[in-house]
Amino acid sequence: MAKKDTTTKSFILRVDTETMNAIEKWAADEFRSTNGQLQWIITEALRKSGRLKKKKE
């Protein structure tokens, strides 16, 4: 099994209530935490834009 990178950086994110409610519902629908959902959304957007390469397994 591949070792997961444990280096993370914290930051504050301001999001309007309507957007946050949508993110929380989406996270619940996919059985993720809100933080996990935000990480997934950001990672997917970066990969689709070509700014983040897929990690080799």
PDB file of N, CA and C in Angstrom:
ATOM      1  N   MET A   1       0.839  -1.182   0.000  1.00  0.00           N
ATOM      2  CA  MET A   1       0.000   0.000   0.000  1.00  0.00           C
ATOM      3  C   MET A   1       0.885   1.247   0.000  1.00  0.00           C
ATOM      4  N   ALA A   2       0.536   2.223  -0.805  1.00  0.00           N
ATOM      5  CA  ALA A   2       1.316   3.458  -0.909  1.00  0.00           C
ATOM      6  C   ALA A   2       1.162   4.281   0.367  1.00  0.00           C
ATOM      7  N   LYS A   3       2.264   4.906   0.788  1.00  0.00           N
ATOM      8  CA  LYS A   3       2.231   5.751   1.978  1.00  0.00           C
ATOM      9  C   LYS A   3       1.635   7.107   1.610  1.00  0.00           C
ATOM     10  N   LYS A   4       0.663   7.550   2.387  1.00  0.00           N
ATOM     11  CA  LYS A   4      -0.008   8.823   2.116  1.00  0.00           C
ATOM     12  C   LYS A   4       0.840   9.979   2.654  1.00  0.00           C
ATOM     13  N   ASP A   5       0.920  11.048   1.870  1.00  0.00           N
ATOM     14  CA  ASP A   5       1.646  12.241   2.291  1.00  0.00           C
ATOM     15  C   ASP A   5       0.910  12.871   3.467  1.00  0.00           C
ATOM     16  N   THR A   6       1.619  13.069   4.572  1.00  0.00           N
ATOM     17  CA  THR A   6       0.986  13.610   5.768  1.00  0.00           C
ATOM     18  C   THR A   6       1.282  15.088   5.975  1.00  0.00           C
ATOM     19  N   THR A   7       1.950  15.718   5.024  1.00  0.00           N
ATOM     20  CA  THR A   7       2.253  17.134   5.139  1.00  0.00           C
ATOM     21  C   THR A   7       1.052  17.941   4.666  1.00  0.00           C
ATOM     22  N   THR A   8       0.482  18.701   5.571  1.00  0.00           N
ATOM     23  CA  THR A   8      -0.652  19.553   5.202  1.00  0.00           C
ATOM     24  C   THR A   8      -0.397  20.968   5.706  1.00  0.00           C
ATOM     25  N   LYS A   9      -1.057  21.907   5.083  1.00  0.00           N
ATOM     26  CA  LYS A   9      -0.930  23.306   5.460  1.00  0.00           C
ATOM     27  C   LYS A   9      -2.328  23.842   5.733  1.00  0.00           C
ATOM     28  N   SER A  10      -2.511  24.448   6.884  1.00  0.00           N
ATOM     29  CA  SER A  10      -3.812  24.992   7.268  1.00  0.00           C
ATOM     30  C   SER A  10      -3.961  26.429   6.792  1.00  0.00           C
ATOM     31  N   PHE A  11      -5.208  26.804   6.491  1.00  0.00           N
ATOM     32  CA  PHE A  11      -5.497  28.191   6.138  1.00  0.00           C
ATOM     33  C   PHE A  11      -6.970  28.470   6.404  1.00  0.00           C
ATOM     34  N   ILE A  12      -7.298  29.725   6.502  1.00  0.00           N
ATOM     35  CA  ILE A  12      -8.679  30.132   6.751  1.00  0.00           C
ATOM     36  C   ILE A  12      -9.348  30.409   5.406  1.00  0.00           C
ATOM     37  N   LEU A  13     -10.561  29.931   5.269  1.00  0.00           N
ATOM     38  CA  LEU A  13     -11.319  30.124   4.038  1.00  0.00           C
ATOM     39  C   LEU A  13     -12.670  30.740   4.391  1.00  0.00           C
ATOM     40  N   ARG A  14     -12.979  31.844   3.758  1.00  0.00           N
ATOM     41  CA  ARG A  14     -14.284  32.480   3.962  1.00  0.00           C
ATOM     42  C   ARG A  14     -15.187  32.097   2.796  1.00  0.00           C
ATOM     43  N   VAL A  15     -16.357  31.554   3.124  1.00  0.00           N
ATOM     44  CA  VAL A  15     -17.307  31.099   2.115  1.00  0.00           C
ATOM     45  C   VAL A  15     -18.690  31.593   2.519  1.00  0.00           C
ATOM     46  N   ASP A  16     -19.463  32.063   1.543  1.00  0.00           N
ATOM     47  CA  ASP A  16     -20.806  32.530   1.874  1.00  0.00           C
ATOM     48  C   ASP A  16     -21.675  31.350   2.317  1.00  0.00           C
ATOM     49  N   THR A  17     -22.726  31.638   3.057  1.00  0.00           N
ATOM     50  CA  THR A  17     -23.573  30.619   3.665  1.00  0.00           C
ATOM     51  C   THR A  17     -24.196  29.675   2.648  1.00  0.00           C
ATOM     52  N   GLU A  18     -24.684  30.196   1.553  1.00  0.00           N
ATOM     53  CA  GLU A  18     -25.321  29.359   0.534  1.00  0.00           C
ATOM     54  C   GLU A  18     -24.329  28.342  -0.054  1.00  0.00           C
ATOM     55  N   THR A  19     -23.116  28.809  -0.348  1.00  0.00           N
ATOM     56  CA  THR A  19     -22.086  27.917  -0.886  1.00  0.00           C
ATOM     57  C   THR A  19     -21.687  26.865   0.148  1.00  0.00           C
ATOM     58  N   MET A  20     -21.515  27.288   1.395  1.00  0.00           N
ATOM     59  CA  MET A  20     -21.122  26.350   2.449  1.00  0.00           C
ATOM     60  C   MET A  20     -22.196  25.291   2.665  1.00  0.00           C
ATOM     61  N   ASN A  21     -23.453  25.690   2.636  1.00  0.00           N
ATOM     62  CA  ASN A  21     -24.538  24.723   2.783  1.00  0.00           C
ATOM     63  C   ASN A  21     -24.515  23.693   1.660  1.00  0.00           C
ATOM     64  N   ALA A  22     -24.243  24.137   0.444  1.00  0.00           N
ATOM     65  CA  ALA A  22     -24.168  23.224  -0.701  1.00  0.00           C
ATOM     66  C   ALA A  22     -22.985  22.262  -0.553  1.00  0.00           C
ATOM     67  N   ILE A  23     -21.851  22.769  -0.089  1.00  0.00           N
ATOM     68  CA  ILE A  23     -20.670  21.924   0.114  1.00  0.00           C
ATOM     69  C   ILE A  23     -20.931  20.892   1.209  1.00  0.00           C
ATOM     70  N   GLU A  24     -21.544  21.315   2.298  1.00  0.00           N
ATOM     71  CA  GLU A  24     -21.846  20.395   3.391  1.00  0.00           C
ATOM     72  C   GLU A  24     -22.806  19.294   2.949  1.00  0.00           C
ATOM     73  N   LYS A  25     -23.810  19.639   2.158  1.00  0.00           N
ATOM     74  CA  LYS A  25     -24.752  18.638   1.662  1.00  0.00           C
ATOM     75  C   LYS A  25     -24.055  17.673   0.712  1.00  0.00           C
ATOM     76  N   TRP A  26     -23.238  18.202  -0.183  1.00  0.00           N
ATOM     77  CA  TRP A  26     -22.488  17.370  -1.121  1.00  0.00           C
ATOM     78  C   TRP A  26     -21.577  16.400  -0.358  1.00  0.00           C
ATOM     79  N   ALA A  27     -20.898  16.906   0.664  1.00  0.00           N
ATOM     80  CA  ALA A  27     -20.013  16.068   1.484  1.00  0.00           C
ATOM     81  C   ALA A  27     -20.809  14.942   2.145  1.00  0.00           C
ATOM     82  N   ALA A  28     -21.948  15.272   2.711  1.00  0.00           N
ATOM     83  CA  ALA A  28     -22.780  14.259   3.360  1.00  0.00           C
ATOM     84  C   ALA A  28     -23.263  13.220   2.357  1.00  0.00           C
ATOM     85  N   ASP A  29     -23.631  13.660   1.164  1.00  0.00           N
ATOM     86  CA  ASP A  29     -24.091  12.738   0.113  1.00  0.00           C
ATOM     87  C   ASP A  29     -23.008  11.741  -0.271  1.00  0.00           C
ATOM     88  N   GLU A  30     -21.735  12.138  -0.163  1.00  0.00           N
ATOM     89  CA  GLU A  30     -20.623  11.281  -0.564  1.00  0.00           C
ATOM     90  C   GLU A  30     -19.878  10.700   0.641  1.00  0.00           C
ATOM     91  N   PHE A  31     -20.478  10.831   1.838  1.00  0.00           N
ATOM     92  CA  PHE A  31     -19.916  10.273   3.071  1.00  0.00           C
ATOM     93  C   PHE A  31     -18.504  10.785   3.351  1.00  0.00           C
ATOM     94  N   ARG A  32     -18.308  12.090   3.134  1.00  0.00           N
ATOM     95  CA  ARG A  32     -17.043  12.748   3.433  1.00  0.00           C
ATOM     96  C   ARG A  32     -17.287  13.840   4.464  1.00  0.00           C
ATOM     97  N   SER A  33     -16.225  14.248   5.135  1.00  0.00           N
ATOM     98  CA  SER A  33     -16.304  15.438   5.982  1.00  0.00           C
ATOM     99  C   SER A  33     -16.340  16.657   5.061  1.00  0.00           C
ATOM    100  N   THR A  34     -16.751  17.773   5.593  1.00  0.00           N
ATOM    101  CA  THR A  34     -16.740  19.011   4.800  1.00  0.00           C
ATOM    102  C   THR A  34     -15.317  19.346   4.379  1.00  0.00           C
ATOM    103  N   ASN A  35     -14.363  19.207   5.289  1.00  0.00           N
ATOM    104  CA  ASN A  35     -12.969  19.476   4.955  1.00  0.00           C
ATOM    105  C   ASN A  35     -12.483  18.523   3.865  1.00  0.00           C
ATOM    106  N   GLY A  36     -12.808  17.252   3.996  1.00  0.00           N
ATOM    107  CA  GLY A  36     -12.421  16.271   2.984  1.00  0.00           C
ATOM    108  C   GLY A  36     -13.016  16.588   1.630  1.00  0.00           C
ATOM    109  N   GLN A  37     -14.264  17.055   1.624  1.00  0.00           N
ATOM    110  CA  GLN A  37     -14.922  17.413   0.367  1.00  0.00           C
ATOM    111  C   GLN A  37     -14.228  18.606  -0.288  1.00  0.00           C
ATOM    112  N   LEU A  38     -13.892  19.610   0.512  1.00  0.00           N
ATOM    113  CA  LEU A  38     -13.186  20.776  -0.027  1.00  0.00           C
ATOM    114  C   LEU A  38     -11.828  20.379  -0.591  1.00  0.00           C
ATOM    115  N   GLN A  39     -11.108  19.494   0.102  1.00  0.00           N
ATOM    116  CA  GLN A  39      -9.824  19.024  -0.410  1.00  0.00           C
ATOM    117  C   GLN A  39     -10.011  18.298  -1.736  1.00  0.00           C
ATOM    118  N   TRP A  40     -11.033  17.472  -1.832  1.00  0.00           N
ATOM    119  CA  TRP A  40     -11.309  16.731  -3.056  1.00  0.00           C
ATOM    120  C   TRP A  40     -11.655  17.681  -4.210  1.00  0.00           C
ATOM    121  N   ILE A  41     -12.518  18.659  -3.942  1.00  0.00           N
ATOM    122  CA  ILE A  41     -12.924  19.634  -4.966  1.00  0.00           C
ATOM    123  C   ILE A  41     -11.693  20.379  -5.501  1.00  0.00           C
ATOM    124  N   ILE A  42     -10.853  20.843  -4.595  1.00  0.00           N
ATOM    125  CA  ILE A  42      -9.666  21.605  -5.002  1.00  0.00           C
ATOM    126  C   ILE A  42      -8.702  20.720  -5.791  1.00  0.00           C
ATOM    127  N   THR A  43      -8.464  19.505  -5.310  1.00  0.00           N
ATOM    128  CA  THR A  43      -7.557  18.585  -6.004  1.00  0.00           C
ATOM    129  C   THR A  43      -8.060  18.261  -7.406  1.00  0.00           C
ATOM    130  N   GLU A  44      -9.351  17.977  -7.537  1.00  0.00           N
ATOM    131  CA  GLU A  44      -9.924  17.669  -8.852  1.00  0.00           C
ATOM    132  C   GLU A  44      -9.812  18.860  -9.801  1.00  0.00           C
ATOM    133  N   ALA A  45     -10.082  20.054  -9.310  1.00  0.00           N
ATOM    134  CA  ALA A  45      -9.979  21.251 -10.150  1.00  0.00           C
ATOM    135  C   ALA A  45      -8.539  21.453 -10.619  1.00  0.00           C
ATOM    136  N   LEU A  46      -7.577  21.239  -9.727  1.00  0.00           N
ATOM    137  CA  LEU A  46      -6.170  21.386 -10.100  1.00  0.00           C
ATOM    138  C   LEU A  46      -5.748  20.338 -11.122  1.00  0.00           C
ATOM    139  N   ARG A  47      -6.192  19.114 -10.966  1.00  0.00           N
ATOM    140  CA  ARG A  47      -5.856  18.062 -11.937  1.00  0.00           C
ATOM    141  C   ARG A  47      -6.471  18.353 -13.303  1.00  0.00           C
ATOM    142  N   LYS A  48      -7.745  18.753 -13.317  1.00  0.00           N
ATOM    143  CA  LYS A  48      -8.426  19.030 -14.585  1.00  0.00           C
ATOM    144  C   LYS A  48      -7.799  20.199 -15.323  1.00  0.00           C
ATOM    145  N   SER A  49      -7.236  21.156 -14.589  1.00  0.00           N
ATOM    146  CA  SER A  49      -6.604  22.315 -15.225  1.00  0.00           C
ATOM    147  C   SER A  49      -5.156  22.032 -15.620  1.00  0.00           C
ATOM    148  N   GLY A  50      -4.656  20.846 -15.256  1.00  0.00           N
ATOM    149  CA  GLY A  50      -3.280  20.498 -15.575  1.00  0.00           C
ATOM    150  C   GLY A  50      -2.254  21.108 -14.643  1.00  0.00           C
ATOM    151  N   ARG A  51      -2.687  21.652 -13.536  1.00  0.00           N
ATOM    152  CA  ARG A  51      -1.779  22.299 -12.590  1.00  0.00           C
ATOM    153  C   ARG A  51      -1.267  21.338 -11.524  1.00  0.00           C
ATOM    154  N   LEU A  52      -1.862  20.156 -11.445  1.00  0.00           N
ATOM    155  CA  LEU A  52      -1.431  19.148 -10.474  1.00  0.00           C
ATOM    156  C   LEU A  52      -1.386  17.818 -11.202  1.00  0.00           C
ATOM    157  N   LYS A  53      -0.248  17.202 -11.196  1.00  0.00           N
ATOM    158  CA  LYS A  53      -0.083  15.928 -11.876  1.00  0.00           C
ATOM    159  C   LYS A  53      -0.556  14.799 -10.989  1.00  0.00           C
ATOM    160  N   LYS A  54      -1.070  13.727 -11.589  1.00  0.00           N
ATOM    161  CA  LYS A  54      -1.454  12.549 -10.847  1.00  0.00           C
ATOM    162  C   LYS A  54      -0.199  11.910 -10.275  1.00  0.00           C
ATOM    163  N   LYS A  55      -0.302  11.426  -9.036  1.00  0.00           N
ATOM    164  CA  LYS A  55       0.829  10.779  -8.386  1.00  0.00           C
ATOM    165  C   LYS A  55       1.003   9.378  -8.936  1.00  0.00           C
ATOM    166  N   LYS A  56       2.259   8.966  -9.093  1.00  0.00           N
ATOM    167  CA  LYS A  56       2.540   7.600  -9.534  1.00  0.00           C
ATOM    168  C   LYS A  56       2.284   6.650  -8.387  1.00  0.00           C
ATOM    169  N   GLU A  57       1.734   5.487  -8.695  1.00  0.00           N
ATOM    170  CA  GLU A  57       1.451   4.520  -7.639  1.00  0.00           C
ATOM    171  C   GLU A  57       2.600   3.579  -7.445  1.00  0.00           C
TER     172      GLU A  57
END
